[in-house]
Amino acid sequence: MGISDRKEREKEELRERILSAAKSLFLEKGIEKTSIRNIADQIEYSPGIIYHYFKDKNEIFHALHQGGFRQLMDKMSVLASVRNPLERLKAMGSIYVRFAMENPDMYDLMFIKEAPIDHVASSEHDDWKEGGGTFNYLRLTIRECIAQGNFQGHDEEALSYLIWSAVHGMVSLHIRKRCEVICSDRQTNIVADGLEEFFKMLDRL
């Protein structure tokens, strides 16, 4: 391995160490209490070295949220073999909910916290590519559903937004501990039960 290759590998390894430390601190303390300084302390470097890789904390959290979207889409990849688009749509909802419930802090970072989007807004390309890619997968699946006779009379874009909003709302209420208003004996399974009710509604459209 040449000197330039070794330096590039070491650079990438340090970047991953920064992200790993930031993720660990984020999960322990939350975004607000995670700083460039305590990330640097975690990897035993000066804060200055982090600025060689990331311009600010928001860019670090944007990189973490990109990783979360890759994880989510990796899980969605198993649906490529599901030919019935309506069944694929339901399976997408189930995978989305399971991912959110198993990774509540990462889901919070991906879809609720402002830091990653603040970075997007301040960058040269102010489009949210990660969210856009996920939404486009949903949009294309709904387009296939309409082509096969489901959801007749409904607008593709608005329906895609409605379905995403409904599923996002269910998991967000749970993650943000807003489900205490539900009957106590139903709280444990309310997201799964709500998703099943939503699927029944989709079947009727």
C-alpha atoms as a PDB file:
ATOM      1  CA  MET A   1       0.000   0.000   0.000  1.00  0.00           C
ATOM      2  CA  GLY A   2       1.409   3.388  -1.019  1.00  0.00           C
ATOM      3  CA  ILE A   3       1.723   6.417   1.259  1.00  0.00           C
ATOM      4  CA  SER A   4      -1.236   8.212  -0.354  1.00  0.00           C
ATOM      5  CA  ASP A   5      -3.449   5.119  -0.006  1.00  0.00           C
ATOM      6  CA  ARG A   6      -2.493   4.728   3.644  1.00  0.00           C
ATOM      7  CA  LYS A   7      -3.202   8.388   4.367  1.00  0.00           C
ATOM      8  CA  GLU A   8      -6.582   8.133   2.684  1.00  0.00           C
ATOM      9  CA  ARG A   9      -7.441   5.042   4.713  1.00  0.00           C
ATOM     10  CA  GLU A  10      -6.364   6.741   7.955  1.00  0.00           C
ATOM     11  CA  LYS A  11      -8.429   9.798   7.043  1.00  0.00           C
ATOM     12  CA  GLU A  12     -11.521   7.680   6.443  1.00  0.00           C
ATOM     13  CA  GLU A  13     -10.945   5.738   9.679  1.00  0.00           C
ATOM     14  CA  LEU A  14     -10.756   8.981  11.679  1.00  0.00           C
ATOM     15  CA  ARG A  15     -13.934  10.263  10.028  1.00  0.00           C
ATOM     16  CA  GLU A  16     -15.708   7.063  11.054  1.00  0.00           C
ATOM     17  CA  ARG A  17     -14.376   7.418  14.603  1.00  0.00           C
ATOM     18  CA  ILE A  18     -15.792  10.952  14.752  1.00  0.00           C
ATOM     19  CA  LEU A  19     -19.189   9.745  13.544  1.00  0.00           C
ATOM     20  CA  SER A  20     -19.161   6.779  15.923  1.00  0.00           C
ATOM     21  CA  ALA A  21     -18.355   9.033  18.873  1.00  0.00           C
ATOM     22  CA  ALA A  22     -21.012  11.556  17.826  1.00  0.00           C
ATOM     23  CA  LYS A  23     -23.625   8.815  17.521  1.00  0.00           C
ATOM     24  CA  SER A  24     -22.712   7.396  20.944  1.00  0.00           C
ATOM     25  CA  LEU A  25     -22.977  10.821  22.573  1.00  0.00           C
ATOM     26  CA  PHE A  26     -26.185  11.638  20.701  1.00  0.00           C
ATOM     27  CA  LEU A  27     -27.816   8.442  21.952  1.00  0.00           C
ATOM     28  CA  GLU A  28     -26.606   9.127  25.494  1.00  0.00           C
ATOM     29  CA  LYS A  29     -27.102  12.889  25.774  1.00  0.00           C
ATOM     30  CA  GLY A  30     -29.201  14.051  22.824  1.00  0.00           C
ATOM     31  CA  ILE A  31     -28.248  16.558  20.123  1.00  0.00           C
ATOM     32  CA  GLU A  32     -28.447  19.648  22.290  1.00  0.00           C
ATOM     33  CA  LYS A  33     -25.933  18.328  24.829  1.00  0.00           C
ATOM     34  CA  THR A  34     -23.550  16.889  22.250  1.00  0.00           C
ATOM     35  CA  SER A  35     -20.816  19.337  21.273  1.00  0.00           C
ATOM     36  CA  ILE A  36     -17.763  19.363  19.041  1.00  0.00           C
ATOM     37  CA  ARG A  37     -15.628  19.482  22.183  1.00  0.00           C
ATOM     38  CA  ASN A  38     -17.085  16.409  23.835  1.00  0.00           C
ATOM     39  CA  ILE A  39     -16.939  14.516  20.528  1.00  0.00           C
ATOM     40  CA  ALA A  40     -13.239  15.431  20.387  1.00  0.00           C
ATOM     41  CA  ASP A  41     -12.771  14.330  23.985  1.00  0.00           C
ATOM     42  CA  GLN A  42     -14.394  10.993  23.167  1.00  0.00           C
ATOM     43  CA  ILE A  43     -11.847  10.243  20.415  1.00  0.00           C
ATOM     44  CA  GLU A  44      -8.979  11.911  22.331  1.00  0.00           C
ATOM     45  CA  TYR A  45      -8.219  14.557  19.720  1.00  0.00           C
ATOM     46  CA  SER A  46      -8.375  18.338  19.814  1.00  0.00           C
ATOM     47  CA  PRO A  47     -11.624  19.942  18.593  1.00  0.00           C
ATOM     48  CA  GLY A  48      -9.701  21.496  15.718  1.00  0.00           C
ATOM     49  CA  ILE A  49      -9.176  18.139  14.013  1.00  0.00           C
ATOM     50  CA  ILE A  50     -12.928  17.627  13.687  1.00  0.00           C
ATOM     51  CA  TYR A  51     -13.237  20.804  11.639  1.00  0.00           C
ATOM     52  CA  HIS A  52     -10.970  19.225   9.024  1.00  0.00           C
ATOM     53  CA  TYR A  53     -13.805  16.760   8.387  1.00  0.00           C
ATOM     54  CA  PHE A  54     -17.023  18.613   9.255  1.00  0.00           C
ATOM     55  CA  LYS A  55     -17.779  22.322   9.214  1.00  0.00           C
ATOM     56  CA  ASP A  56     -20.060  22.174  12.264  1.00  0.00           C
ATOM     57  CA  LYS A  57     -22.170  19.927  14.478  1.00  0.00           C
ATOM     58  CA  ASN A  58     -25.129  20.014  12.092  1.00  0.00           C
ATOM     59  CA  GLU A  59     -23.005  18.511   9.320  1.00  0.00           C
ATOM     60  CA  ILE A  60     -21.982  15.678  11.651  1.00  0.00           C
ATOM     61  CA  PHE A  61     -25.600  14.919  12.470  1.00  0.00           C
ATOM     62  CA  HIS A  62     -26.518  15.144   8.802  1.00  0.00           C
ATOM     63  CA  ALA A  63     -23.916  12.447   8.085  1.00  0.00           C
ATOM     64  CA  LEU A  64     -25.393  10.290  10.859  1.00  0.00           C
ATOM     65  CA  HIS A  65     -28.889  10.753   9.505  1.00  0.00           C
ATOM     66  CA  GLN A  66     -27.644   9.707   6.053  1.00  0.00           C
ATOM     67  CA  GLY A  67     -26.486   6.466   7.646  1.00  0.00           C
ATOM     68  CA  GLY A  68     -29.946   5.984   9.134  1.00  0.00           C
ATOM     69  CA  PHE A  69     -31.560   6.329   5.715  1.00  0.00           C
ATOM     70  CA  ARG A  70     -29.136   3.785   4.258  1.00  0.00           C
ATOM     71  CA  GLN A  71     -30.145   1.349   7.003  1.00  0.00           C
ATOM     72  CA  LEU A  72     -33.831   1.943   6.303  1.00  0.00           C
ATOM     73  CA  MET A  73     -33.471   1.495   2.550  1.00  0.00           C
ATOM     74  CA  ASP A  74     -31.369  -1.642   3.062  1.00  0.00           C
ATOM     75  CA  LYS A  75     -34.303  -3.102   4.976  1.00  0.00           C
ATOM     76  CA  MET A  76     -36.678  -2.038   2.211  1.00  0.00           C
ATOM     77  CA  SER A  77     -34.550  -3.798  -0.423  1.00  0.00           C
ATOM     78  CA  VAL A  78     -36.148  -7.161   0.414  1.00  0.00           C
ATOM     79  CA  LEU A  79     -39.377  -5.842  -1.137  1.00  0.00           C
ATOM     80  CA  ALA A  80     -37.975  -5.883  -4.675  1.00  0.00           C
ATOM     81  CA  SER A  81     -39.431  -9.361  -5.166  1.00  0.00           C
ATOM     82  CA  VAL A  82     -42.970  -8.377  -4.050  1.00  0.00           C
ATOM     83  CA  ARG A  83     -44.825  -7.974  -7.325  1.00  0.00           C
ATOM     84  CA  ASN A  84     -48.216  -6.905  -5.961  1.00  0.00           C
ATOM     85  CA  PRO A  85     -47.744  -3.165  -5.354  1.00  0.00           C
ATOM     86  CA  LEU A  86     -50.488  -2.948  -2.700  1.00  0.00           C
ATOM     87  CA  GLU A  87     -48.901  -5.754  -0.702  1.00  0.00           C
ATOM     88  CA  ARG A  88     -45.502  -4.104  -1.187  1.00  0.00           C
ATOM     89  CA  LEU A  89     -46.968  -0.835   0.093  1.00  0.00           C
ATOM     90  CA  LYS A  90     -48.236  -2.528   3.247  1.00  0.00           C
ATOM     91  CA  ALA A  91     -44.900  -4.262   3.756  1.00  0.00           C
ATOM     92  CA  MET A  92     -43.141  -0.889   3.382  1.00  0.00           C
ATOM     93  CA  GLY A  93     -45.332   0.465   6.169  1.00  0.00           C
ATOM     94  CA  SER A  94     -44.521  -2.470   8.429  1.00  0.00           C
ATOM     95  CA  ILE A  95     -40.764  -2.154   7.811  1.00  0.00           C
ATOM     96  CA  TYR A  96     -40.909   1.610   8.366  1.00  0.00           C
ATOM     97  CA  VAL A  97     -42.725   1.198  11.679  1.00  0.00           C
ATOM     98  CA  ARG A  98     -40.433  -1.600  12.866  1.00  0.00           C
ATOM     99  CA  PHE A  99     -37.339   0.458  12.009  1.00  0.00           C
ATOM    100  CA  ALA A 100     -38.700   3.461  13.889  1.00  0.00           C
ATOM    101  CA  MET A 101     -39.690   1.456  16.950  1.00  0.00           C
ATOM    102  CA  GLU A 102     -36.343  -0.333  17.096  1.00  0.00           C
ATOM    103  CA  ASN A 103     -34.308   2.839  16.453  1.00  0.00           C
ATOM    104  CA  PRO A 104     -36.287   5.670  18.068  1.00  0.00           C
ATOM    105  CA  ASP A 105     -33.331   8.019  18.542  1.00  0.00           C
ATOM    106  CA  MET A 106     -32.127   7.552  14.980  1.00  0.00           C
ATOM    107  CA  TYR A 107     -35.686   7.993  13.686  1.00  0.00           C
ATOM    108  CA  ASP A 108     -35.901  11.189  15.726  1.00  0.00           C
ATOM    109  CA  LEU A 109     -32.729  12.412  14.014  1.00  0.00           C
ATOM    110  CA  MET A 110     -33.928  11.392  10.553  1.00  0.00           C
ATOM    111  CA  PHE A 111     -37.447  12.820  10.652  1.00  0.00           C
ATOM    112  CA  ILE A 112     -37.957  15.106  13.638  1.00  0.00           C
ATOM    113  CA  LYS A 113     -34.772  16.883  14.734  1.00  0.00           C
ATOM    114  CA  GLU A 114     -33.865  20.059  12.849  1.00  0.00           C
ATOM    115  CA  ALA A 115     -30.055  19.721  12.812  1.00  0.00           C
ATOM    116  CA  PRO A 116     -29.706  17.613   9.633  1.00  0.00           C
ATOM    117  CA  ILE A 117     -32.184  19.789   7.729  1.00  0.00           C
ATOM    118  CA  ASP A 118     -30.461  22.943   8.979  1.00  0.00           C
ATOM    119  CA  HIS A 119     -27.309  21.591   7.325  1.00  0.00           C
ATOM    120  CA  VAL A 120     -29.185  20.879   4.084  1.00  0.00           C
ATOM    121  CA  ALA A 121     -30.658  24.395   4.090  1.00  0.00           C
ATOM    122  CA  SER A 122     -27.231  25.966   4.542  1.00  0.00           C
ATOM    123  CA  SER A 123     -25.511  23.891   1.856  1.00  0.00           C
ATOM    124  CA  GLU A 124     -25.136  24.671  -1.839  1.00  0.00           C
ATOM    125  CA  HIS A 125     -27.653  21.981  -2.752  1.00  0.00           C
ATOM    126  CA  ASP A 126     -30.652  22.641  -0.537  1.00  0.00           C
ATOM    127  CA  ASP A 127     -32.601  19.503  -1.510  1.00  0.00           C
ATOM    128  CA  TRP A 128     -33.190  16.741   1.003  1.00  0.00           C
ATOM    129  CA  LYS A 129     -31.874  13.839  -1.062  1.00  0.00           C
ATOM    130  CA  GLU A 130     -32.260  11.172   1.609  1.00  0.00           C
ATOM    131  CA  GLY A 131     -35.880  11.950   2.395  1.00  0.00           C
ATOM    132  CA  GLY A 132     -36.576  12.534  -1.282  1.00  0.00           C
ATOM    133  CA  GLY A 133     -35.278   9.104  -2.231  1.00  0.00           C
ATOM    134  CA  THR A 134     -37.408   7.384   0.401  1.00  0.00           C
ATOM    135  CA  PHE A 135     -40.497   9.359  -0.586  1.00  0.00           C
ATOM    136  CA  ASN A 136     -39.910   8.611  -4.260  1.00  0.00           C
ATOM    137  CA  TYR A 137     -39.911   4.880  -3.514  1.00  0.00           C
ATOM    138  CA  LEU A 138     -43.294   5.340  -1.846  1.00  0.00           C
ATOM    139  CA  ARG A 139     -44.551   7.483  -4.733  1.00  0.00           C
ATOM    140  CA  LEU A 140     -43.526   4.926  -7.361  1.00  0.00           C
ATOM    141  CA  THR A 141     -45.220   2.118  -5.443  1.00  0.00           C
ATOM    142  CA  ILE A 142     -48.450   4.097  -5.227  1.00  0.00           C
ATOM    143  CA  ARG A 143     -48.179   4.859  -8.945  1.00  0.00           C
ATOM    144  CA  GLU A 144     -48.053   1.115  -9.580  1.00  0.00           C
ATOM    145  CA  CYS A 145     -51.062   0.611  -7.306  1.00  0.00           C
ATOM    146  CA  ILE A 146     -53.064   3.151  -9.306  1.00  0.00           C
ATOM    147  CA  ALA A 147     -51.985   1.535 -12.584  1.00  0.00           C
ATOM    148  CA  GLN A 148     -53.325  -1.800 -11.318  1.00  0.00           C
ATOM    149  CA  GLY A 149     -56.693  -0.354 -10.344  1.00  0.00           C
ATOM    150  CA  ASN A 150     -56.216   0.632  -6.688  1.00  0.00           C
ATOM    151  CA  PHE A 151     -56.859   4.135  -5.355  1.00  0.00           C
ATOM    152  CA  GLN A 152     -58.916   5.194  -8.352  1.00  0.00           C
ATOM    153  CA  GLY A 153     -59.837   8.879  -8.271  1.00  0.00           C
ATOM    154  CA  HIS A 154     -57.015   9.720  -5.868  1.00  0.00           C
ATOM    155  CA  ASP A 155     -54.100  12.051  -6.583  1.00  0.00           C
ATOM    156  CA  GLU A 156     -50.728  10.254  -6.562  1.00  0.00           C
ATOM    157  CA  GLU A 157     -48.720  12.992  -4.867  1.00  0.00           C
ATOM    158  CA  ALA A 158     -51.304  13.913  -2.253  1.00  0.00           C
ATOM    159  CA  LEU A 159     -52.012  10.262  -1.446  1.00  0.00           C
ATOM    160  CA  SER A 160     -48.281   9.538  -1.079  1.00  0.00           C
ATOM    161  CA  TYR A 161     -48.012  12.424   1.361  1.00  0.00           C
ATOM    162  CA  LEU A 162     -51.098  11.289   3.267  1.00  0.00           C
ATOM    163  CA  ILE A 163     -49.834   7.725   3.672  1.00  0.00           C
ATOM    164  CA  TRP A 164     -46.362   8.839   4.757  1.00  0.00           C
ATOM    165  CA  SER A 165     -47.883  11.347   7.201  1.00  0.00           C
ATOM    166  CA  ALA A 166     -50.192   8.753   8.729  1.00  0.00           C
ATOM    167  CA  VAL A 167     -47.443   6.206   9.378  1.00  0.00           C
ATOM    168  CA  HIS A 168     -44.975   8.873  10.507  1.00  0.00           C
ATOM    169  CA  GLY A 169     -47.590  10.296  12.856  1.00  0.00           C
ATOM    170  CA  MET A 170     -48.224   6.954  14.539  1.00  0.00           C
ATOM    171  CA  VAL A 171     -44.570   6.259  15.271  1.00  0.00           C
ATOM    172  CA  SER A 172     -43.804   9.872  16.211  1.00  0.00           C
ATOM    173  CA  LEU A 173     -46.582   9.947  18.787  1.00  0.00           C
ATOM    174  CA  HIS A 174     -45.163   6.771  20.287  1.00  0.00           C
ATOM    175  CA  ILE A 175     -41.525   7.927  20.221  1.00  0.00           C
ATOM    176  CA  ARG A 176     -42.434  11.266  21.787  1.00  0.00           C
ATOM    177  CA  LYS A 177     -44.456   9.470  24.472  1.00  0.00           C
ATOM    178  CA  ARG A 178     -47.822  10.909  23.452  1.00  0.00           C
ATOM    179  CA  CYS A 179     -49.687   7.579  23.565  1.00  0.00           C
ATOM    180  CA  GLU A 180     -50.458   7.747  27.273  1.00  0.00           C
ATOM    181  CA  VAL A 181     -53.914   9.016  26.329  1.00  0.00           C
ATOM    182  CA  ILE A 182     -54.654   5.578  24.857  1.00  0.00           C
ATOM    183  CA  CYS A 183     -56.309   3.002  27.134  1.00  0.00           C
ATOM    184  CA  SER A 184     -53.530   1.560  29.293  1.00  0.00           C
ATOM    185  CA  ASP A 185     -54.144  -2.032  28.213  1.00  0.00           C
ATOM    186  CA  ARG A 186     -53.788  -1.015  24.533  1.00  0.00           C
ATOM    187  CA  GLN A 187     -50.680   1.176  24.678  1.00  0.00           C
ATOM    188  CA  THR A 188     -48.131  -1.594  24.110  1.00  0.00           C
ATOM    189  CA  ASN A 189     -49.581  -2.649  20.757  1.00  0.00           C
ATOM    190  CA  ILE A 190     -51.325   0.523  19.669  1.00  0.00           C
ATOM    191  CA  VAL A 191     -48.902   1.355  16.834  1.00  0.00           C
ATOM    192  CA  ALA A 192     -49.148  -2.148  15.329  1.00  0.00           C
ATOM    193  CA  ASP A 193     -52.914  -2.142  15.821  1.00  0.00           C
ATOM    194  CA  GLY A 194     -53.226   1.303  14.301  1.00  0.00           C
ATOM    195  CA  LEU A 195     -51.177   0.205  11.304  1.00  0.00           C
ATOM    196  CA  GLU A 196     -53.486  -2.759  10.740  1.00  0.00           C
ATOM    197  CA  GLU A 197     -56.521  -0.466  10.840  1.00  0.00           C
ATOM    198  CA  PHE A 198     -54.810   1.811   8.344  1.00  0.00           C
ATOM    199  CA  PHE A 199     -54.175  -1.157   6.024  1.00  0.00           C
ATOM    200  CA  LYS A 200     -57.892  -2.015   6.169  1.00  0.00           C
ATOM    201  CA  MET A 201     -58.675   1.518   5.042  1.00  0.00           C
ATOM    202  CA  LEU A 202     -56.186   1.245   2.156  1.00  0.00           C
ATOM    203  CA  ASP A 203     -57.875  -1.980   1.038  1.00  0.00           C
ATOM    204  CA  ARG A 204     -61.144  -0.073   0.620  1.00  0.00           C
ATOM    205  CA  LEU A 205     -59.722   2.753  -1.466  1.00  0.00           C
END
